[in-house]
C-alpha cells in the first residue's frame, strides 16, 4: 500500500523490501513510543532509530 510519510511527506510503499536493522528499530519505536506505526517512510524510520540511540537514553536500557 502506498502512503505519505507523516514527517517528510514523501510517498512510500508500506511493503518495501530490503529493510535495514535501523528501519526495524524505527518501526518498534513508532509502535511502542510515538504511536505512529505504519505512517513513516523507511528513511524517517532509520533516522529516528539512529537519533534515538544517541539521544533517547531512557529507551536504550
Protein backbone atom coordinates (compact mmCIF):
# COMPACT_ATOMS: atom_id res chain seq x y z
CA UNK A 1 0.00 0.00 0.00
CA UNK A 2 1.32 3.44 -0.93
CA UNK A 3 1.21 6.12 1.80
CA UNK A 4 2.55 9.59 2.56
CA UNK A 5 5.11 9.89 5.38
CA UNK A 6 3.96 12.00 8.34
CA UNK A 7 7.40 13.53 8.83
CA UNK A 8 8.92 14.21 5.39
CA UNK A 9 5.70 13.98 3.31
CA UNK A 10 7.35 11.69 0.73
CA UNK A 11 5.30 8.90 -0.82
CA UNK A 12 6.41 5.40 0.22
CA UNK A 13 5.38 1.79 -0.23
CA UNK A 14 4.48 0.24 3.12
CA UNK A 15 5.64 -3.19 1.94
CA UNK A 16 9.05 -2.02 0.73
CA UNK A 17 11.65 -4.83 0.62
CA UNK A 18 15.22 -4.74 1.91
CA UNK A 19 14.60 -3.14 5.30
CA UNK A 20 17.65 -2.35 7.44
CA UNK A 21 18.04 -3.07 11.15
CA UNK A 22 17.65 0.67 11.73
CA UNK A 23 14.30 0.65 9.94
CA UNK A 24 13.21 -2.30 12.09
CA UNK A 25 14.25 -0.42 15.23
CA UNK A 26 12.39 2.65 13.96
CA UNK A 27 9.27 0.53 13.44
CA UNK A 28 9.49 -0.67 17.04
CA UNK A 29 9.86 2.91 18.28
CA UNK A 30 6.94 4.02 16.10
CA UNK A 31 4.72 1.38 17.67
CA UNK A 32 5.91 1.47 21.26
CA UNK A 33 6.98 5.09 21.86
CA UNK A 34 5.40 7.52 19.37
CA UNK A 35 2.25 5.63 18.32
CA UNK A 36 2.68 6.34 14.61
CA UNK A 37 3.43 2.83 13.33
CA UNK A 38 2.89 2.38 9.60
CA UNK A 39 2.89 6.12 8.94
CA UNK A 40 6.61 6.76 8.31
CA UNK A 41 8.87 6.02 5.34
CA UNK A 42 11.99 3.88 5.67
CA UNK A 43 14.34 6.86 5.68
CA UNK A 44 12.48 8.54 8.57
CA UNK A 45 12.29 5.26 10.49
CA UNK A 46 16.05 4.79 10.09
CA UNK A 47 16.76 8.39 11.12
CA UNK A 48 14.52 8.07 14.17
CA UNK A 49 16.31 4.90 15.27
CA UNK A 50 19.76 6.43 14.87
CA UNK A 51 18.81 9.61 16.69
CA UNK A 52 17.15 7.61 19.45
CA UNK A 53 20.34 5.62 20.01
CA UNK A 54 22.19 8.89 20.50
CA UNK A 55 19.67 10.95 22.45
CA UNK A 56 16.86 8.82 23.89
CA UNK A 57 18.86 7.18 26.66
CA UNK A 58 15.86 6.16 28.76
CA UNK A 59 14.74 3.81 25.93
CA UNK A 60 18.24 2.38 25.30
CA UNK A 61 18.49 0.37 28.51
